[in-house]
Amino acid sequence: MSDDSARRTSLTRRTLLTGAAAAGLAAAAGLQPAHRIPAGSAAATLTPPPDFPAGIPLSQQAFRNWSLEIVVEGVWTASARTPDDVVTLANWAHQHGYRLRARGKGHTWSPLVVPAGADTNRTVIVDTTSHLTAVSVRGGNPGSVTAQAGATLDRILARLEESGLGLATTTAPGDLTIGGVLAIGGHGTGVPTATENPPSGSGFGTLSSLVTSLTAVVWSAADDRYVLKTFSRSDPDIRAFLVHLGRAFVTEVTLTAAANTRLRCQNWYDVNVGTVFGPPGTGGRTIGSYLDRTGRIEAIWFPFTDVPWLKVWSLAPSKPLLSRQIDSPYAYTFANRVTEEMSRLLGEIASGGGDKTPVFTKLAMSIVGSGLIVTGTWDVWGWSKNSLLYVEPTTLRIVEAGWAVLTSRANAQRVVNDFYSRYQQVLTAHQARGSYPVNGPIELRITGTDPLDGPLLSPARARRDHPEWDTVVWLDFATYPGTPGAAPFFRELEQWIWQTYTGSYATVRPEWSKGWAYTDSGPWRDPATLDGSVPAAFDEWRTARGILNSYDPARVFSNTFLDTLLP
């Protein structure tokens, strides 16, 4: 078999595995460990860690990220039952030269937990999802929720709803741990309209900006050991922990929560993409017009199709006449399943049949259109979480790149149009060469910024020198694993993004959980971006790095990638 044929076969197998996992046929190979071999078992193939703390469960497991592109077939994994267990593990790791990596649900693309191909012989992953899951809610106006790192957003939001509380925005998947979401500055979509008076405690930036206190495992010089330390929002050092990229281990957080709201979500599938993403000032049903009208919009558009899927939320205290009431999340069941035809087409694309891409993307969008009708979900209404949460673990796994563009509300449409126009230009040029590097959607979300006293490393952090930049346009675009030519396409667009949005009307930062720093070989590799563009995009990069290093000088909570990014 030639090298090219072997490569194509490998890509096809990986894509089909991805499709199977998305369809729920290989769930154990997705977000959950593929195997669990207890320490001491004859089946274990790894050398046991020396003098491992007694009483803390330890097993050999496989680690696999969301897109199955980072796969470590064997790594020691401990199951911390209490925050004190994490302290014990940290002191053990420090004494024996090991590193600890916190693991949540694994819904990430970037190598913040474990880089691909990394030597994990002296690494122990710490599972937070088995025991560190406690949630408690305090009522009030605003109220608050305290959750351990392994609690999922599904559980947190359900508990908040029981107490009449909620979050103004949240991530689309709910099967994410709060520890993981806060580590990377997870976000939803939405900003208040000009006439809106949000409930006290509402937040429209990242979820990290809602944190009022947190507890982390940190080095204490006075005690000469790692200890638990609680940081309040008034402590300036907390700003480095609010988005820490895995350079810390947070065990518990408290977030403010506002009075819950009822939202209507109208799903549109009838506006031409050239109108939605059109130039500013052209009128019609643009992203900007929806932003002005309701403040809450998401656009999902597949290349080679004519219309995007628009999700438009609006405040609705009582049920609109034509809306369908939903009392639980994940109403769009059609979007979380993979058909046999989709899997077949993805296999052909990965095998070199890129010309099948327009057929695949048109199929994907037709499923949206028919799915909204068949399930009766084109117009839904209910408590906030029920329409805000809609991505289940069974959805098809994609490779997604992402950036956060800070700009003024008035220039949001300009950001969208500039990006869409360039995306189309690059896509057309590749198509002319017979290349089809992208077959996944563009996803656009819009939020507010995080305050200056908030997380130092948040992609949505406000700029002190540009207070008029009060809006964040999140630019994400995707393809499916194994698509030939994807990395060069992503690199070309990323270089344009850095050049275009670093100027007089906007600035740009990476979305930490997605792909960025592309070379023609893949993401997170470009030295000029890692060492130059990224640090320069954050006005207090050195401050954040210094704080994190001071609380973990031995770099117990790090890996080889973070050693490069945050030395």
Protein backbone atom coordinates (compact mmCIF):
# COMPACT_ATOMS: atom_id res chain seq x y z
CA MET A 1 0.00 0.00 0.00
CA SER A 2 1.35 3.46 -0.92
CA ASP A 3 1.86 6.15 1.74
CA ASP A 4 -1.02 8.13 0.21
CA SER A 5 -3.35 5.13 0.23
CA ALA A 6 -2.42 4.31 3.81
CA ARG A 7 -3.11 7.88 4.82
CA ARG A 8 -6.52 7.87 3.14
CA THR A 9 -7.43 4.57 4.78
CA SER A 10 -6.43 5.94 8.18
CA LEU A 11 -8.46 9.09 7.63
CA THR A 12 -11.52 7.10 6.58
CA ARG A 13 -11.35 4.90 9.64
CA ARG A 14 -10.99 7.89 11.93
CA THR A 15 -13.93 9.69 10.34
CA LEU A 16 -16.14 6.63 10.53
CA LEU A 17 -15.18 6.16 14.19
CA THR A 18 -16.15 9.76 14.79
CA GLY A 19 -19.50 9.24 13.12
CA ALA A 20 -20.12 6.09 15.12
CA ALA A 21 -19.37 7.85 18.39
CA ALA A 22 -21.68 10.67 17.43
CA ALA A 23 -24.47 8.23 16.68
CA GLY A 24 -24.10 6.75 20.11
CA LEU A 25 -22.72 3.46 18.75
CA ALA A 26 -19.37 3.98 20.43
CA ALA A 27 -20.18 6.25 23.35
CA ALA A 28 -17.53 4.58 25.46
CA ALA A 29 -14.93 5.71 22.94
CA GLY A 30 -16.14 9.29 23.03
CA LEU A 31 -16.20 11.38 26.17
CA GLN A 32 -15.91 8.47 28.60
CA PRO A 33 -12.75 6.40 29.22
CA ALA A 34 -12.37 3.59 26.73
CA HIS A 35 -11.19 1.22 29.45
CA ARG A 36 -10.51 1.21 33.18
CA ILE A 37 -7.90 -1.18 34.58
CA PRO A 38 -7.40 -0.88 38.35
CA ALA A 39 -3.87 -0.34 39.62
CA GLY A 40 -2.38 -3.66 40.69
CA SER A 41 -4.27 -5.62 38.05
CA ALA A 42 -2.25 -8.07 35.96
CA ALA A 43 -3.85 -6.47 32.90
CA ALA A 44 -2.19 -3.10 33.55
CA THR A 45 0.58 -2.25 31.11
CA LEU A 46 1.89 0.92 32.79
CA THR A 47 4.47 1.10 35.55
CA PRO A 48 2.61 1.96 38.78
CA PRO A 49 3.34 5.41 40.23
CA PRO A 50 5.63 5.05 43.26
CA ASP A 51 4.19 5.40 46.77
CA PHE A 52 0.80 6.41 45.43
CA PRO A 53 -1.49 7.69 48.21
CA ALA A 54 -3.48 4.88 49.78
CA GLY A 55 -7.25 5.10 49.60
CA ILE A 56 -7.46 7.13 46.38
CA PRO A 57 -8.74 4.96 43.51
CA LEU A 58 -6.25 4.67 40.65
CA SER A 59 -6.71 2.98 37.30
CA GLN A 60 -5.16 2.82 33.86
CA GLN A 61 -7.46 4.51 31.37
CA ALA A 62 -7.49 5.94 27.87
CA PHE A 63 -7.93 9.68 27.39
CA ARG A 64 -9.74 10.89 24.28
CA ASN A 65 -10.87 14.40 23.52
CA TRP A 66 -14.10 15.50 21.85
CA SER A 67 -13.03 15.05 18.23
CA LEU A 68 -10.98 11.91 18.96
CA GLU A 69 -7.90 13.65 17.60
CA ILE A 70 -6.06 13.56 20.94
CA VAL A 71 -5.89 9.94 22.03
CA VAL A 72 -3.71 8.58 24.82
CA GLU A 73 -4.38 4.87 25.06
CA GLY A 74 -2.91 4.45 28.53
CA VAL A 75 -2.55 7.01 31.33
CA TRP A 76 -2.94 6.67 35.09
CA THR A 77 -6.18 8.24 36.27
CA ALA A 78 -7.08 8.95 39.89
CA SER A 79 -10.61 9.51 41.13
CA ALA A 80 -10.58 12.30 43.71
CA ARG A 81 -13.43 11.91 46.18
CA THR A 82 -12.89 15.18 48.06
CA PRO A 83 -10.94 18.42 47.62
CA ASP A 84 -8.56 17.11 50.27
CA ASP A 85 -7.79 14.18 47.96
CA VAL A 86 -6.64 16.67 45.34
CA VAL A 87 -4.37 18.30 47.93
CA THR A 88 -2.93 14.89 48.81
CA LEU A 89 -2.34 14.13 45.14
CA ALA A 90 -0.68 17.50 44.54
CA ASN A 91 1.77 17.00 47.39
CA TRP A 92 2.50 13.46 46.24
CA ALA A 93 3.08 14.67 42.66
CA HIS A 94 5.38 17.44 43.86
CA GLN A 95 7.43 14.98 45.91
CA HIS A 96 7.77 12.44 43.10
CA GLY A 97 8.10 14.69 40.05
CA TYR A 98 4.69 13.94 38.58
CA ARG A 99 2.09 16.22 37.01
CA LEU A 100 -1.66 16.31 37.59
CA ARG A 101 -4.23 17.10 34.90
CA ALA A 102 -7.86 17.73 35.84
CA ARG A 103 -10.37 15.89 33.64
CA GLY A 104 -13.99 16.78 33.16
CA LYS A 105 -16.16 15.58 30.29
CA GLY A 106 -13.45 16.04 27.67
CA HIS A 107 -15.54 18.32 25.45
CA THR A 108 -12.57 20.26 24.12
CA TRP A 109 -10.37 20.36 21.08
CA SER A 110 -7.26 22.06 22.44
CA PRO A 111 -4.38 20.27 24.24
CA LEU A 112 -4.95 21.89 27.62
CA VAL A 113 -5.41 18.54 29.39
CA VAL A 114 -3.00 16.32 27.46
CA PRO A 115 -1.31 17.18 24.13
CA ALA A 116 -1.39 14.66 21.31
CA GLY A 117 1.64 12.40 21.38
CA ALA A 118 2.75 13.61 24.81
CA ASP A 119 4.81 11.42 27.11
CA THR A 120 2.43 10.74 30.00
CA ASN A 121 4.68 8.38 31.97
CA ARG A 122 4.86 10.93 34.80
CA THR A 123 1.32 12.25 34.48
CA VAL A 124 -1.76 11.39 36.50
CA ILE A 125 -5.14 12.57 35.26
CA VAL A 126 -7.56 13.43 38.04
CA ASP A 127 -11.17 12.60 37.30
CA THR A 128 -13.51 15.20 38.79
CA THR A 129 -16.76 13.72 37.49
CA SER A 130 -17.16 10.69 39.75
CA HIS A 131 -17.28 12.40 43.14
CA LEU A 132 -16.57 16.16 42.98
CA THR A 133 -20.11 16.92 41.87
CA ALA A 134 -21.87 18.59 44.82
CA VAL A 135 -24.21 21.51 44.04
CA SER A 136 -25.98 23.86 46.46
CA VAL A 137 -28.13 26.90 45.69
CA ARG A 138 -28.74 30.01 47.76
CA GLY A 139 -31.85 31.98 46.91
CA GLY A 140 -32.04 35.74 46.77
CA ASN A 141 -31.99 38.61 44.34
CA PRO A 142 -29.53 37.78 43.01
CA GLY A 143 -28.98 34.26 44.27
CA SER A 144 -25.94 32.06 43.91
CA VAL A 145 -24.89 28.51 43.21
CA THR A 146 -21.88 26.72 44.70
CA ALA A 147 -20.63 23.72 42.76
CA GLN A 148 -17.66 21.40 42.86
CA ALA A 149 -15.52 21.22 39.74
CA GLY A 150 -17.04 18.01 38.36
CA ALA A 151 -20.67 19.15 38.50
CA THR A 152 -22.19 19.49 35.04
CA LEU A 153 -24.04 22.51 33.73
CA ASP A 154 -27.05 20.24 33.20
CA ARG A 155 -27.20 19.59 36.92
CA ILE A 156 -26.36 23.14 37.98
CA LEU A 157 -29.00 24.71 35.75
CA ALA A 158 -31.63 22.20 36.85
CA ARG A 159 -30.94 23.00 40.50
CA LEU A 160 -31.08 26.73 39.78
CA GLU A 161 -34.41 26.37 37.99
CA GLU A 162 -35.87 24.58 41.01
CA SER A 163 -35.07 27.71 43.04
CA GLY A 164 -36.40 30.18 40.48
CA LEU A 165 -32.94 31.13 39.28
CA GLY A 166 -31.02 30.81 36.03
CA LEU A 167 -28.25 32.13 33.82
CA ALA A 168 -28.87 34.75 31.15
CA THR A 169 -26.62 32.86 28.73
CA THR A 170 -24.91 29.50 28.81
CA THR A 171 -23.09 27.06 26.57
CA ALA A 172 -25.13 25.02 24.09
CA PRO A 173 -23.97 21.65 25.54
CA GLY A 174 -24.93 20.99 29.15
CA ASP A 175 -22.84 17.86 29.61
CA LEU A 176 -19.81 19.99 30.52
CA THR A 177 -18.25 20.30 33.95
CA ILE A 178 -18.27 23.73 35.53
CA GLY A 179 -14.55 23.36 36.18
CA GLY A 180 -13.86 22.83 32.49
CA VAL A 181 -16.18 25.62 31.35
CA LEU A 182 -14.56 28.18 33.65
CA ALA A 183 -11.01 27.08 32.83
CA ILE A 184 -11.42 28.20 29.22
CA GLY A 185 -13.92 31.05 29.52
CA GLY A 186 -16.96 29.17 28.20
CA HIS A 187 -19.85 31.31 26.95
CA GLY A 188 -23.26 31.32 25.35
CA THR A 189 -24.83 33.98 23.16
CA GLY A 190 -26.80 37.09 24.00
CA VAL A 191 -26.62 40.75 24.99
CA PRO A 192 -29.33 42.91 26.55
CA THR A 193 -31.28 45.16 24.18
CA ALA A 194 -31.28 48.93 24.60
CA THR A 195 -34.69 48.86 26.33
CA GLU A 196 -34.09 45.76 28.45
CA ASN A 197 -33.66 45.81 32.23
CA PRO A 198 -32.00 42.47 33.06
CA PRO A 199 -32.56 40.91 36.50
CA SER A 200 -29.90 41.66 39.10
CA GLY A 201 -27.00 39.25 38.73
CA SER A 202 -27.39 38.67 35.00
CA GLY A 203 -24.18 38.27 33.05
CA PHE A 204 -23.69 38.51 29.29
CA GLY A 205 -19.97 37.70 28.96
CA THR A 206 -18.28 34.42 29.82
CA LEU A 207 -19.52 32.31 32.71
CA SER A 208 -16.18 33.01 34.41
CA SER A 209 -17.26 36.62 34.97
CA LEU A 210 -20.09 35.38 37.22
CA VAL A 211 -17.74 33.78 39.77
CA THR A 212 -17.81 35.45 43.19
CA SER A 213 -15.41 33.06 44.94
CA LEU A 214 -13.46 29.90 44.23
CA THR A 215 -11.29 27.37 46.03
CA ALA A 216 -8.10 26.07 44.43
CA VAL A 217 -5.18 23.85 45.36
CA VAL A 218 -2.14 26.15 45.63
CA TRP A 219 1.41 26.09 46.90
CA SER A 220 1.91 27.63 50.34
CA ALA A 221 5.48 28.76 51.00
CA ALA A 222 4.67 29.16 54.68
CA ASP A 223 3.50 25.54 54.96
CA ASP A 224 5.99 24.22 52.37
CA ARG A 225 3.20 22.22 50.77
CA TYR A 226 0.08 22.46 48.61
CA VAL A 227 -3.07 23.55 50.43
CA LEU A 228 -6.64 24.58 49.70
CA LYS A 229 -7.12 28.33 49.41
CA THR A 230 -10.37 30.22 48.88
CA PHE A 231 -10.21 33.41 46.82
CA SER A 232 -12.94 36.04 47.01
CA ARG A 233 -13.75 38.34 44.11
CA SER A 234 -12.13 41.21 46.02
CA ASP A 235 -8.76 39.40 45.94
CA PRO A 236 -6.91 40.59 42.81
CA ASP A 237 -5.20 37.21 42.44
CA ILE A 238 -8.53 35.51 41.69
CA ARG A 239 -8.47 37.12 38.24
CA ALA A 240 -5.83 34.65 37.05
CA PHE A 241 -7.85 31.65 38.28
CA LEU A 242 -11.15 32.67 36.66
CA VAL A 243 -9.78 31.52 33.27
CA HIS A 244 -6.64 29.51 33.98
CA LEU A 245 -6.29 27.19 30.94
CA GLY A 246 -5.41 24.22 33.13
CA ARG A 247 -2.53 25.95 34.95
CA ALA A 248 -4.43 25.53 38.22
CA PHE A 249 -6.74 23.06 39.91
CA VAL A 250 -9.99 24.66 41.07
CA THR A 251 -12.08 22.38 43.28
CA GLU A 252 -15.16 24.55 43.97
CA VAL A 253 -16.75 27.75 42.69
CA THR A 254 -19.60 30.05 43.60
CA LEU A 255 -21.39 31.94 40.84
CA THR A 256 -24.03 34.61 41.03
CA ALA A 257 -27.39 33.67 39.52
CA ALA A 258 -30.25 35.93 38.47
CA ALA A 259 -33.99 35.45 38.65
CA ASN A 260 -34.93 32.94 35.98
CA THR A 261 -36.50 34.14 32.75
CA ARG A 262 -38.73 32.54 30.16
CA LEU A 263 -37.39 32.67 26.64
CA ARG A 264 -38.97 32.23 23.26
CA CYS A 265 -36.68 30.74 20.62
CA GLN A 266 -37.75 31.16 17.00
CA ASN A 267 -35.84 29.10 14.46
CA TRP A 268 -35.60 30.58 10.99
CA TYR A 269 -34.58 28.75 7.84
CA ASP A 270 -35.80 31.14 5.17
CA VAL A 271 -33.31 34.02 4.88
CA ASN A 272 -30.52 34.02 2.29
CA VAL A 273 -27.07 33.87 3.80
CA GLY A 274 -26.02 36.89 1.74
CA THR A 275 -28.64 38.92 3.59
CA VAL A 276 -27.97 37.58 7.08
CA PHE A 277 -24.20 38.10 6.74
CA GLY A 278 -24.54 41.10 4.43
CA PRO A 279 -22.72 44.45 4.56
CA PRO A 280 -23.72 46.86 7.33
CA GLY A 281 -26.43 49.34 6.39
CA THR A 282 -28.03 47.17 3.71
CA GLY A 283 -31.19 46.51 5.71
CA GLY A 284 -33.21 43.34 5.86
CA ARG A 285 -32.91 40.45 8.28
CA THR A 286 -29.23 40.77 9.14
CA ILE A 287 -27.40 39.58 12.24
CA GLY A 288 -27.30 43.22 13.34
CA SER A 289 -31.05 43.68 12.99
CA TYR A 290 -31.77 40.68 15.20
CA LEU A 291 -29.15 41.88 17.67
CA ASP A 292 -30.92 45.24 17.94
CA ARG A 293 -34.36 43.65 18.20
CA THR A 294 -33.82 40.77 20.67
CA GLY A 295 -30.13 40.77 21.62
CA ARG A 296 -29.90 36.98 21.39
CA ILE A 297 -28.96 35.22 18.17
CA GLU A 298 -26.94 32.33 16.84
CA ALA A 299 -26.32 31.61 13.17
CA ILE A 300 -25.26 28.17 11.90
CA TRP A 301 -24.42 27.98 8.21
CA PHE A 302 -22.94 25.16 6.14
CA PRO A 303 -20.77 26.05 3.12
CA PHE A 304 -22.27 25.50 -0.33
CA THR A 305 -25.80 26.15 0.97
CA ASP A 306 -28.03 29.19 0.61
CA VAL A 307 -29.64 29.70 4.01
CA PRO A 308 -28.37 29.48 7.61
CA TRP A 309 -30.15 28.11 10.63
CA LEU A 310 -30.97 31.15 12.75
CA LYS A 311 -31.83 30.70 16.41
CA VAL A 312 -33.36 33.91 17.75
CA TRP A 313 -34.21 34.16 21.44
CA SER A 314 -36.39 36.84 23.00
CA LEU A 315 -37.74 37.51 26.47
CA ALA A 316 -41.34 36.28 26.80
CA PRO A 317 -42.82 36.19 30.31
CA SER A 318 -45.98 34.50 28.99
CA LYS A 319 -46.30 31.92 26.23
CA PRO A 320 -46.80 33.40 22.77
CA LEU A 321 -49.84 32.04 20.99
CA LEU A 322 -47.92 30.18 18.28
CA SER A 323 -45.08 28.87 20.46
CA ARG A 324 -44.75 25.33 21.70
CA GLN A 325 -43.97 25.01 25.41
CA ILE A 326 -40.90 22.91 26.25
CA ASP A 327 -40.20 21.77 29.81
CA SER A 328 -36.81 20.14 29.26
CA PRO A 329 -33.72 20.94 27.18
CA TYR A 330 -32.43 19.36 23.95
CA ALA A 331 -35.56 19.83 21.91
CA TYR A 332 -33.78 19.60 18.53
CA THR A 333 -33.36 15.84 18.45
CA PHE A 334 -32.66 15.86 14.71
CA ALA A 335 -29.46 17.85 15.29
CA ASN A 336 -28.00 15.27 17.66
CA ARG A 337 -28.23 12.19 15.49
CA VAL A 338 -26.22 10.98 12.50
CA THR A 339 -27.93 9.34 9.54
CA GLU A 340 -26.46 6.45 7.59
CA GLU A 341 -26.27 8.70 4.53
CA MET A 342 -24.25 11.32 6.42
CA SER A 343 -21.78 8.69 7.64
CA ARG A 344 -21.41 7.29 4.13
CA LEU A 345 -20.72 10.70 2.62
CA LEU A 346 -18.18 11.56 5.32
CA GLY A 347 -16.35 8.34 4.60
CA GLU A 348 -16.19 9.16 0.90
CA ILE A 349 -14.98 12.71 1.60
CA ALA A 350 -12.22 11.48 3.90
CA SER A 351 -11.18 8.96 1.26
CA GLY A 352 -10.54 11.73 -1.24
CA GLY A 353 -14.03 12.36 -2.57
CA GLY A 354 -14.08 16.04 -1.67
CA ASP A 355 -16.48 16.80 -4.53
CA LYS A 356 -19.17 15.12 -2.38
CA THR A 357 -18.91 18.01 0.09
CA PRO A 358 -21.72 20.17 -1.39
CA VAL A 359 -24.00 17.13 -1.35
CA PHE A 360 -23.15 16.51 2.30
CA THR A 361 -23.64 20.11 3.45
CA LYS A 362 -26.95 20.42 1.59
CA LEU A 363 -28.07 17.18 3.25
CA ALA A 364 -27.09 18.54 6.67
CA MET A 365 -29.09 21.73 6.15
CA SER A 366 -32.09 19.87 4.71
CA ILE A 367 -32.16 17.78 7.90
CA VAL A 368 -32.38 21.02 9.87
CA GLY A 369 -35.25 22.33 7.78
CA SER A 370 -37.27 19.12 7.84
CA GLY A 371 -36.33 18.43 11.48
CA LEU A 372 -37.74 21.72 12.70
CA ILE A 373 -41.04 20.89 11.02
CA VAL A 374 -41.26 17.21 11.98
CA THR A 375 -40.41 17.87 15.64
CA GLY A 376 -42.50 21.03 15.83
CA THR A 377 -39.61 23.03 17.26
CA TRP A 378 -39.46 26.03 14.93
CA ASP A 379 -40.97 28.18 17.70
CA VAL A 380 -40.45 27.05 21.32
CA TRP A 381 -40.93 28.70 24.71
CA GLY A 382 -40.00 27.84 28.28
CA TRP A 383 -37.59 28.45 31.12
CA SER A 384 -34.19 29.67 29.96
CA LYS A 385 -32.19 26.44 30.08
CA ASN A 386 -34.70 24.52 28.00
CA SER A 387 -33.95 26.39 24.79
CA LEU A 388 -30.38 27.49 25.58
CA LEU A 389 -29.18 23.89 25.98
CA TYR A 390 -29.47 21.98 22.71
CA VAL A 391 -26.21 20.11 21.92
CA GLU A 392 -26.12 16.55 23.28
CA PRO A 393 -23.07 14.25 23.53
CA THR A 394 -24.48 12.22 20.61
CA THR A 395 -24.01 15.02 18.11
CA LEU A 396 -21.56 14.45 15.27
CA ARG A 397 -18.01 15.30 16.37
CA ILE A 398 -16.39 18.15 14.46
CA VAL A 399 -13.04 19.89 14.40
CA GLU A 400 -13.69 23.54 15.20
CA ALA A 401 -11.52 26.64 15.10
CA GLY A 402 -12.56 29.71 17.06
CA TRP A 403 -11.75 33.33 17.80
CA ALA A 404 -13.35 36.13 19.81
CA VAL A 405 -13.54 39.52 18.09
CA LEU A 406 -14.08 42.52 20.37
CA THR A 407 -15.79 45.45 18.71
CA SER A 408 -18.57 47.96 19.23
CA ARG A 409 -22.21 46.93 18.96
CA ALA A 410 -22.52 49.15 15.89
CA ASN A 411 -19.71 47.28 14.14
CA ALA A 412 -20.89 43.72 14.85
CA GLN A 413 -22.40 43.38 11.36
CA ARG A 414 -19.18 44.64 9.80
CA VAL A 415 -17.21 41.94 11.64
CA VAL A 416 -19.63 39.27 10.42
CA ASN A 417 -19.67 40.49 6.82
CA ASP A 418 -15.89 40.86 6.59
CA PHE A 419 -15.44 37.31 7.85
CA TYR A 420 -18.14 35.78 5.64
CA SER A 421 -16.79 37.53 2.54
CA ARG A 422 -13.25 36.33 3.17
CA TYR A 423 -14.41 32.81 4.02
CA GLN A 424 -16.24 32.62 0.69
CA GLN A 425 -13.23 33.95 -1.21
CA VAL A 426 -10.86 31.40 0.30
CA LEU A 427 -13.38 28.59 -0.11
CA THR A 428 -13.91 29.45 -3.79
CA ALA A 429 -10.17 29.54 -4.42
CA HIS A 430 -9.72 26.10 -2.88
CA GLN A 431 -12.69 24.73 -4.81
CA ALA A 432 -11.16 25.96 -8.06
CA ARG A 433 -8.13 23.80 -7.25
CA GLY A 434 -10.35 20.80 -6.60
CA SER A 435 -9.98 21.08 -2.83
CA TYR A 436 -12.88 20.88 -0.36
CA PRO A 437 -11.26 21.41 3.05
CA VAL A 438 -14.38 22.32 5.04
CA ASN A 439 -17.67 20.50 5.37
CA GLY A 440 -18.80 21.67 8.79
CA PRO A 441 -20.67 24.84 9.70
CA ILE A 442 -19.77 28.40 10.50
CA GLU A 443 -21.23 29.18 13.94
CA LEU A 444 -21.61 32.79 15.00
CA ARG A 445 -22.54 33.90 18.51
CA ILE A 446 -22.52 37.37 20.08
CA THR A 447 -22.04 38.26 23.74
CA GLY A 448 -21.01 41.15 25.92
CA THR A 449 -17.51 41.63 27.31
CA ASP A 450 -16.08 40.60 30.66
CA PRO A 451 -15.28 43.46 33.09
CA LEU A 452 -11.78 44.78 33.67
CA ASP A 453 -11.79 43.40 37.22
CA GLY A 454 -12.72 39.99 35.84
CA PRO A 455 -10.68 37.14 34.33
CA LEU A 456 -7.30 38.25 32.99
CA LEU A 457 -7.14 35.55 30.33
CA SER A 458 -10.74 35.71 29.15
CA PRO A 459 -11.09 36.02 25.36
CA ALA A 460 -13.97 38.42 26.11
CA ARG A 461 -12.02 40.68 28.49
CA ALA A 462 -12.83 44.37 27.94
CA ARG A 463 -10.12 46.73 26.68
CA ARG A 464 -9.26 49.63 28.97
CA ASP A 465 -8.17 51.76 26.01
CA HIS A 466 -11.35 51.01 24.00
CA PRO A 467 -14.38 51.14 26.29
CA GLU A 468 -16.59 51.42 23.20
CA TRP A 469 -15.70 47.82 22.32
CA ASP A 470 -18.55 46.35 24.35
CA THR A 471 -19.49 43.41 22.12
CA VAL A 472 -17.83 40.08 21.29
CA VAL A 473 -18.47 38.30 18.00
CA TRP A 474 -17.43 34.66 18.37
CA LEU A 475 -16.25 33.36 14.98
CA ASP A 476 -16.20 29.56 14.76
CA PHE A 477 -15.87 27.41 11.67
CA ALA A 478 -15.62 23.67 11.44
CA THR A 479 -14.89 20.58 9.43
CA TYR A 480 -14.99 16.90 10.22
CA PRO A 481 -11.92 14.94 11.37
CA GLY A 482 -9.92 13.49 8.53
CA THR A 483 -10.91 16.05 5.90
CA PRO A 484 -7.97 16.48 3.50
CA GLY A 485 -6.56 20.02 3.25
CA ALA A 486 -8.32 21.37 6.32
CA ALA A 487 -5.26 22.66 8.20
CA PRO A 488 -3.93 24.91 5.39
CA PHE A 489 -7.42 26.35 4.91
CA PHE A 490 -7.74 27.07 8.61
CA ARG A 491 -4.27 28.62 8.71
CA GLU A 492 -5.02 30.92 5.79
CA LEU A 493 -8.21 32.18 7.39
CA GLU A 494 -6.60 32.54 10.81
CA GLN A 495 -3.79 34.70 9.46
CA TRP A 496 -6.38 36.94 7.82
CA ILE A 497 -8.34 37.11 11.11
CA TRP A 498 -5.31 38.29 13.08
CA GLN A 499 -4.46 40.88 10.43
CA THR A 500 -8.00 42.18 9.92
CA TYR A 501 -9.28 42.43 13.48
CA THR A 502 -6.15 43.88 15.04
CA GLY A 503 -6.77 47.52 14.26
CA SER A 504 -8.92 50.58 14.72
CA TYR A 505 -12.36 48.98 15.01
CA ALA A 506 -11.73 45.58 16.61
CA THR A 507 -9.30 43.24 18.32
CA VAL A 508 -9.12 39.46 18.35
CA ARG A 509 -8.17 36.66 20.73
CA PRO A 510 -8.27 32.86 20.49
CA GLU A 511 -11.21 30.89 21.82
CA TRP A 512 -9.20 28.63 24.12
CA SER A 513 -11.16 25.39 23.72
CA LYS A 514 -11.10 25.51 19.91
CA GLY A 515 -8.39 25.32 17.24
CA TRP A 516 -5.94 28.23 16.74
CA ALA A 517 -2.23 28.86 16.07
CA TYR A 518 -2.47 26.84 12.85
CA THR A 519 0.32 25.69 10.62
CA ASP A 520 -0.23 23.65 7.47
CA SER A 521 0.15 20.60 9.73
CA GLY A 522 -2.49 21.53 12.29
CA PRO A 523 -3.45 23.77 15.22
CA TRP A 524 -1.54 24.95 18.32
CA ARG A 525 1.82 24.76 16.54
CA ASP A 526 2.61 28.14 15.01
CA PRO A 527 5.43 29.75 17.04
CA ALA A 528 4.66 33.28 15.84
CA THR A 529 1.10 32.98 17.13
CA LEU A 530 1.95 31.18 20.37
CA ASP A 531 4.84 33.46 21.29
CA GLY A 532 3.68 36.71 19.70
CA SER A 533 0.09 37.28 18.65
CA VAL A 534 -1.59 35.51 21.56
CA PRO A 535 0.34 37.14 24.45
CA ALA A 536 0.10 40.54 22.74
CA ALA A 537 -3.70 40.23 22.58
CA PHE A 538 -4.00 40.27 26.40
CA ASP A 539 -3.01 43.45 28.23
CA GLU A 540 -2.24 41.59 31.46
CA TRP A 541 -0.77 38.38 30.08
CA ARG A 542 2.40 38.68 32.16
CA THR A 543 0.37 39.43 35.29
CA ALA A 544 -1.76 36.31 34.85
CA ARG A 545 1.25 34.15 34.12
CA GLY A 546 3.07 35.50 37.17
CA ILE A 547 0.13 34.83 39.50
CA LEU A 548 -0.38 31.29 38.25
CA ASN A 549 3.34 30.52 38.49
CA SER A 550 3.53 31.90 42.03
CA TYR A 551 0.78 29.54 43.21
CA ASP A 552 2.26 26.54 41.39
CA PRO A 553 6.03 27.16 41.10
CA ALA A 554 6.76 23.45 40.60
CA ARG A 555 4.33 23.37 37.66
CA VAL A 556 2.48 20.36 39.04
CA PHE A 557 -0.59 21.65 37.17
CA SER A 558 0.88 21.94 33.70
CA ASN A 559 1.86 19.99 30.59
CA THR A 560 4.32 20.40 27.72
CA PHE A 561 1.95 22.60 25.71
CA LEU A 562 1.27 24.93 28.64
CA ASP A 563 4.99 25.06 29.37
CA THR A 564 5.30 26.71 25.95
CA LEU A 565 2.20 28.89 26.08
CA LEU A 566 2.53 30.04 29.71
CA PRO A 567 6.19 29.46 30.62
